[in-house]
Amino acid sequence: MISYLPRYIFNFFFFILIQVLVLNNIQFSGFVNPYLYVLFIITLPFETPGWLLLVLGFVTGISVDIFSNTIGMHASAAVFMAFLRPYVLRAFAPREEYQPGTIPIMNHYGFSWFFRYAFILVLAHHLFLFYVEVFSLTHFFSTLWRVIASSAFTMLLIIVSQLFSRGKSRGR
């Protein structure tokens, strides 16, 4: 895990900067909001302790909140996603368990496994985030449509970013 530390420090700053400088300014009719910063939490090593996942989720979310002026909404959604991550990993664990020294990326476990794992976490994050943002069930279906559309666009960005980084992590 220590050998991945510089990579994850870079990833943290890269995803936060991409989110606040580029993706926060992309909105398709105010309905679809891509949140690529969740990929930082999704791709943390398997060996990351639960308490550290929660702390990193909070720090990631609060960093986006500070730049987006959204008082704790991203922090709470990112902590919720970080809380669910070990359970989702356990649910999708291969029979022979996860290989030591690997990380949850498409290159190590294949497209199908990664897509299911990431989609559940992204969907949980977006459900939490958008319903906390609305904080009402009066617009239940329009918010649900927003969750689905934003999750699909976020997953598209995640898959594209995984395809671009596919060759770089092949030797690890």
C-alpha atoms as a PDB file:
ATOM      1  CA  MET A   1       0.000   0.000   0.000  1.00  0.00           C
ATOM      2  CA  ILE A   2       2.899   2.346   0.717  1.00  0.00           C
ATOM      3  CA  SER A   3       4.174   1.921  -2.845  1.00  0.00           C
ATOM      4  CA  TYR A   4       0.849   3.287  -4.123  1.00  0.00           C
ATOM      5  CA  LEU A   5       0.907   6.353  -1.823  1.00  0.00           C
ATOM      6  CA  PRO A   6       2.342   8.870  -4.353  1.00  0.00           C
ATOM      7  CA  ARG A   7      -0.124   7.616  -6.955  1.00  0.00           C
ATOM      8  CA  TYR A   8      -3.083   8.124  -4.621  1.00  0.00           C
ATOM      9  CA  ILE A   9      -1.941  11.562  -3.517  1.00  0.00           C
ATOM     10  CA  PHE A  10      -1.744  12.548  -7.193  1.00  0.00           C
ATOM     11  CA  ASN A  11      -5.124  10.910  -7.899  1.00  0.00           C
ATOM     12  CA  PHE A  12      -6.745  12.802  -5.013  1.00  0.00           C
ATOM     13  CA  PHE A  13      -5.630  16.213  -6.255  1.00  0.00           C
ATOM     14  CA  PHE A  14      -6.243  15.309  -9.898  1.00  0.00           C
ATOM     15  CA  PHE A  15      -9.834  14.144  -9.341  1.00  0.00           C
ATOM     16  CA  ILE A  16     -10.689  17.094  -7.080  1.00  0.00           C
ATOM     17  CA  LEU A  17      -9.277  19.590  -9.593  1.00  0.00           C
ATOM     18  CA  ILE A  18     -11.026  17.934 -12.549  1.00  0.00           C
ATOM     19  CA  GLN A  19     -14.271  17.904 -10.578  1.00  0.00           C
ATOM     20  CA  VAL A  20     -14.258  21.521  -9.399  1.00  0.00           C
ATOM     21  CA  LEU A  21     -12.665  23.157 -12.442  1.00  0.00           C
ATOM     22  CA  VAL A  22     -14.268  21.194 -15.269  1.00  0.00           C
ATOM     23  CA  LEU A  23     -17.073  18.823 -14.314  1.00  0.00           C
ATOM     24  CA  ASN A  24     -18.909  21.145 -11.901  1.00  0.00           C
ATOM     25  CA  ASN A  25     -19.353  23.488 -14.856  1.00  0.00           C
ATOM     26  CA  ILE A  26     -20.861  20.769 -17.060  1.00  0.00           C
ATOM     27  CA  GLN A  27     -24.600  20.472 -16.631  1.00  0.00           C
ATOM     28  CA  PHE A  28     -26.967  19.253 -19.264  1.00  0.00           C
ATOM     29  CA  SER A  29     -30.064  21.380 -18.624  1.00  0.00           C
ATOM     30  CA  GLY A  30     -29.316  21.231 -14.898  1.00  0.00           C
ATOM     31  CA  PHE A  31     -30.241  17.565 -14.912  1.00  0.00           C
ATOM     32  CA  VAL A  32     -27.052  15.553 -15.436  1.00  0.00           C
ATOM     33  CA  ASN A  33     -24.131  16.225 -13.136  1.00  0.00           C
ATOM     34  CA  PRO A  34     -21.026  14.039 -13.567  1.00  0.00           C
ATOM     35  CA  TYR A  35     -19.083  13.283 -10.371  1.00  0.00           C
ATOM     36  CA  LEU A  36     -15.777  11.676 -11.328  1.00  0.00           C
ATOM     37  CA  TYR A  37     -14.202  12.338  -7.912  1.00  0.00           C
ATOM     38  CA  VAL A  38     -15.875   9.156  -6.613  1.00  0.00           C
ATOM     39  CA  LEU A  39     -13.328   7.153  -8.632  1.00  0.00           C
ATOM     40  CA  PHE A  40     -10.719   8.069  -6.011  1.00  0.00           C
ATOM     41  CA  ILE A  41     -12.632   6.122  -3.338  1.00  0.00           C
ATOM     42  CA  ILE A  42     -13.604   3.321  -5.730  1.00  0.00           C
ATOM     43  CA  THR A  43      -9.975   2.573  -6.665  1.00  0.00           C
ATOM     44  CA  LEU A  44      -8.417   2.636  -3.203  1.00  0.00           C
ATOM     45  CA  PRO A  45      -6.510  -0.579  -2.355  1.00  0.00           C
ATOM     46  CA  PHE A  46      -8.409  -3.562  -0.969  1.00  0.00           C
ATOM     47  CA  GLU A  47      -6.307  -3.456   2.203  1.00  0.00           C
ATOM     48  CA  THR A  48      -7.438   0.071   3.128  1.00  0.00           C
ATOM     49  CA  PRO A  49      -8.808  -0.073   6.689  1.00  0.00           C
ATOM     50  CA  GLY A  50     -12.432   0.911   7.215  1.00  0.00           C
ATOM     51  CA  TRP A  51     -11.631   3.926   9.373  1.00  0.00           C
ATOM     52  CA  LEU A  52      -9.246   5.262   6.721  1.00  0.00           C
ATOM     53  CA  LEU A  53     -11.871   4.762   4.007  1.00  0.00           C
ATOM     54  CA  LEU A  54     -14.299   6.896   5.999  1.00  0.00           C
ATOM     55  CA  VAL A  55     -11.692   9.594   6.637  1.00  0.00           C
ATOM     56  CA  LEU A  56     -10.636   9.671   2.974  1.00  0.00           C
ATOM     57  CA  GLY A  57     -14.285   9.744   1.915  1.00  0.00           C
ATOM     58  CA  PHE A  58     -14.907  12.713   4.194  1.00  0.00           C
ATOM     59  CA  VAL A  59     -11.784  14.586   3.061  1.00  0.00           C
ATOM     60  CA  THR A  60     -12.614  13.962  -0.600  1.00  0.00           C
ATOM     61  CA  GLY A  61     -16.219  15.042  -0.202  1.00  0.00           C
ATOM     62  CA  ILE A  62     -15.497  18.095   1.930  1.00  0.00           C
ATOM     63  CA  SER A  63     -12.870  19.207  -0.611  1.00  0.00           C
ATOM     64  CA  VAL A  64     -15.511  19.183  -3.339  1.00  0.00           C
ATOM     65  CA  ASP A  65     -17.968  20.883  -0.947  1.00  0.00           C
ATOM     66  CA  ILE A  66     -15.539  23.718  -0.220  1.00  0.00           C
ATOM     67  CA  PHE A  67     -15.107  24.518  -3.900  1.00  0.00           C
ATOM     68  CA  SER A  68     -18.751  23.901  -4.805  1.00  0.00           C
ATOM     69  CA  ASN A  69     -20.287  25.761  -1.851  1.00  0.00           C
ATOM     70  CA  THR A  70     -22.443  22.750  -0.962  1.00  0.00           C
ATOM     71  CA  ILE A  71     -22.357  22.580   2.807  1.00  0.00           C
ATOM     72  CA  GLY A  72     -21.445  18.940   3.539  1.00  0.00           C
ATOM     73  CA  MET A  73     -23.589  17.243   0.896  1.00  0.00           C
ATOM     74  CA  HIS A  74     -20.685  15.711  -1.011  1.00  0.00           C
ATOM     75  CA  ALA A  75     -18.911  14.855   2.234  1.00  0.00           C
ATOM     76  CA  SER A  76     -21.904  12.913   3.543  1.00  0.00           C
ATOM     77  CA  ALA A  77     -22.458  11.136   0.212  1.00  0.00           C
ATOM     78  CA  ALA A  78     -18.763  10.223  -0.093  1.00  0.00           C
ATOM     79  CA  VAL A  79     -18.681   8.909   3.492  1.00  0.00           C
ATOM     80  CA  PHE A  80     -21.807   6.855   2.761  1.00  0.00           C
ATOM     81  CA  MET A  81     -20.147   5.403  -0.335  1.00  0.00           C
ATOM     82  CA  ALA A  82     -16.929   4.686   1.595  1.00  0.00           C
ATOM     83  CA  PHE A  83     -19.009   2.963   4.277  1.00  0.00           C
ATOM     84  CA  LEU A  84     -20.698   0.705   1.683  1.00  0.00           C
ATOM     85  CA  ARG A  85     -17.486  -0.124  -0.202  1.00  0.00           C
ATOM     86  CA  PRO A  86     -16.295  -3.058   1.979  1.00  0.00           C
ATOM     87  CA  TYR A  87     -19.738  -4.677   1.802  1.00  0.00           C
ATOM     88  CA  VAL A  88     -19.885  -4.314  -1.976  1.00  0.00           C
ATOM     89  CA  LEU A  89     -16.352  -5.716  -2.294  1.00  0.00           C
ATOM     90  CA  ARG A  90     -17.332  -8.668  -0.105  1.00  0.00           C
ATOM     91  CA  ALA A  91     -20.447  -9.286  -2.217  1.00  0.00           C
ATOM     92  CA  PHE A  92     -18.431  -9.396  -5.446  1.00  0.00           C
ATOM     93  CA  ALA A  93     -15.370 -11.210  -4.087  1.00  0.00           C
ATOM     94  CA  PRO A  94     -14.070 -13.949  -6.387  1.00  0.00           C
ATOM     95  CA  ARG A  95     -13.888 -17.485  -5.002  1.00  0.00           C
ATOM     96  CA  GLU A  96     -10.155 -17.321  -4.550  1.00  0.00           C
ATOM     97  CA  GLU A  97     -10.456 -13.920  -2.828  1.00  0.00           C
ATOM     98  CA  TYR A  98      -8.699 -10.801  -4.033  1.00  0.00           C
ATOM     99  CA  GLN A  99      -5.090 -11.199  -5.079  1.00  0.00           C
ATOM    100  CA  PRO A 100      -2.610  -9.479  -2.742  1.00  0.00           C
ATOM    101  CA  GLY A 101      -1.077  -6.345  -4.227  1.00  0.00           C
ATOM    102  CA  THR A 102      -3.935  -5.705  -6.657  1.00  0.00           C
ATOM    103  CA  ILE A 103      -6.328  -2.790  -6.616  1.00  0.00           C
ATOM    104  CA  PRO A 104      -9.975  -2.661  -7.700  1.00  0.00           C
ATOM    105  CA  ILE A 105      -9.494  -1.496 -11.269  1.00  0.00           C
ATOM    106  CA  MET A 106     -10.745  -2.849 -14.568  1.00  0.00           C
ATOM    107  CA  ASN A 107      -7.264  -3.993 -15.594  1.00  0.00           C
ATOM    108  CA  HIS A 108      -6.979  -6.412 -12.656  1.00  0.00           C
ATOM    109  CA  TYR A 109     -10.493  -7.868 -12.419  1.00  0.00           C
ATOM    110  CA  GLY A 110     -12.087  -7.319 -15.816  1.00  0.00           C
ATOM    111  CA  PHE A 111     -14.786  -5.081 -17.207  1.00  0.00           C
ATOM    112  CA  SER A 112     -17.798  -6.995 -15.897  1.00  0.00           C
ATOM    113  CA  TRP A 113     -16.585  -7.165 -12.302  1.00  0.00           C
ATOM    114  CA  PHE A 114     -15.435  -3.551 -12.261  1.00  0.00           C
ATOM    115  CA  PHE A 115     -18.624  -2.242 -13.874  1.00  0.00           C
ATOM    116  CA  ARG A 116     -20.904  -3.970 -11.351  1.00  0.00           C
ATOM    117  CA  TYR A 117     -18.736  -2.910  -8.399  1.00  0.00           C
ATOM    118  CA  ALA A 118     -18.384   0.716  -9.505  1.00  0.00           C
ATOM    119  CA  PHE A 119     -22.011   1.068 -10.648  1.00  0.00           C
ATOM    120  CA  ILE A 120     -23.418   0.041  -7.272  1.00  0.00           C
ATOM    121  CA  LEU A 121     -21.155   2.507  -5.461  1.00  0.00           C
ATOM    122  CA  VAL A 122     -21.852   5.330  -7.926  1.00  0.00           C
ATOM    123  CA  LEU A 123     -25.597   4.694  -7.765  1.00  0.00           C
ATOM    124  CA  ALA A 124     -25.539   4.674  -3.942  1.00  0.00           C
ATOM    125  CA  HIS A 125     -23.512   7.903  -3.911  1.00  0.00           C
ATOM    126  CA  HIS A 126     -25.818   9.642  -6.366  1.00  0.00           C
ATOM    127  CA  LEU A 127     -29.009   8.453  -4.641  1.00  0.00           C
ATOM    128  CA  PHE A 128     -27.735   9.782  -1.325  1.00  0.00           C
ATOM    129  CA  LEU A 129     -26.414  13.038  -2.795  1.00  0.00           C
ATOM    130  CA  PHE A 130     -29.428  14.014  -4.872  1.00  0.00           C
ATOM    131  CA  TYR A 131     -32.039  13.085  -2.281  1.00  0.00           C
ATOM    132  CA  VAL A 132     -30.125  14.994   0.413  1.00  0.00           C
ATOM    133  CA  GLU A 133     -29.923  17.933  -1.986  1.00  0.00           C
ATOM    134  CA  VAL A 134     -33.679  17.917  -2.615  1.00  0.00           C
ATOM    135  CA  PHE A 135     -34.497  16.780   0.953  1.00  0.00           C
ATOM    136  CA  SER A 136     -38.073  16.080  -0.051  1.00  0.00           C
ATOM    137  CA  LEU A 137     -40.034  13.296  -1.657  1.00  0.00           C
ATOM    138  CA  THR A 138     -42.317  15.652  -3.570  1.00  0.00           C
ATOM    139  CA  HIS A 139     -40.037  15.439  -6.612  1.00  0.00           C
ATOM    140  CA  PHE A 140     -39.264  11.751  -6.158  1.00  0.00           C
ATOM    141  CA  PHE A 141     -39.412  10.674  -9.809  1.00  0.00           C
ATOM    142  CA  SER A 142     -37.651  13.703 -11.258  1.00  0.00           C
ATOM    143  CA  THR A 143     -34.876  13.233  -8.697  1.00  0.00           C
ATOM    144  CA  LEU A 144     -34.724   9.522  -9.495  1.00  0.00           C
ATOM    145  CA  TRP A 145     -34.374  10.372 -13.190  1.00  0.00           C
ATOM    146  CA  ARG A 146     -31.542  12.767 -12.281  1.00  0.00           C
ATOM    147  CA  VAL A 147     -29.844  10.004 -10.279  1.00  0.00           C
ATOM    148  CA  ILE A 148     -30.079   7.537 -13.155  1.00  0.00           C
ATOM    149  CA  ALA A 149     -28.898  10.008 -15.809  1.00  0.00           C
ATOM    150  CA  SER A 150     -26.026  11.328 -13.672  1.00  0.00           C
ATOM    151  CA  SER A 151     -24.979   7.801 -12.670  1.00  0.00           C
ATOM    152  CA  ALA A 152     -24.903   6.717 -16.315  1.00  0.00           C
ATOM    153  CA  PHE A 153     -22.803   9.713 -17.342  1.00  0.00           C
ATOM    154  CA  THR A 154     -20.477   9.285 -14.353  1.00  0.00           C
ATOM    155  CA  MET A 155     -20.040   5.597 -15.201  1.00  0.00           C
ATOM    156  CA  LEU A 156     -19.223   6.529 -18.795  1.00  0.00           C
ATOM    157  CA  LEU A 157     -16.486   8.871 -17.551  1.00  0.00           C
ATOM    158  CA  ILE A 158     -15.186   6.216 -15.133  1.00  0.00           C
ATOM    159  CA  ILE A 159     -15.016   3.544 -17.850  1.00  0.00           C
ATOM    160  CA  VAL A 160     -13.265   5.930 -20.251  1.00  0.00           C
ATOM    161  CA  SER A 161     -10.749   6.901 -17.554  1.00  0.00           C
ATOM    162  CA  GLN A 162     -10.134   3.209 -16.805  1.00  0.00           C
ATOM    163  CA  LEU A 163      -9.532   2.524 -20.490  1.00  0.00           C
ATOM    164  CA  PHE A 164      -7.017   5.384 -20.674  1.00  0.00           C
ATOM    165  CA  SER A 165      -5.165   4.157 -17.590  1.00  0.00           C
ATOM    166  CA  ARG A 166      -5.329   0.512 -18.682  1.00  0.00           C
ATOM    167  CA  GLY A 167      -1.862   0.367 -20.232  1.00  0.00           C
ATOM    168  CA  LYS A 168      -0.161   2.279 -17.442  1.00  0.00           C
ATOM    169  CA  SER A 169      -0.930  -0.161 -14.603  1.00  0.00           C
ATOM    170  CA  ARG A 170      -0.301  -3.362 -16.570  1.00  0.00           C
ATOM    171  CA  GLY A 171       3.162  -3.906 -15.082  1.00  0.00           C
ATOM    172  CA  ARG A 172       2.129  -3.648 -11.425  1.00  0.00           C
END
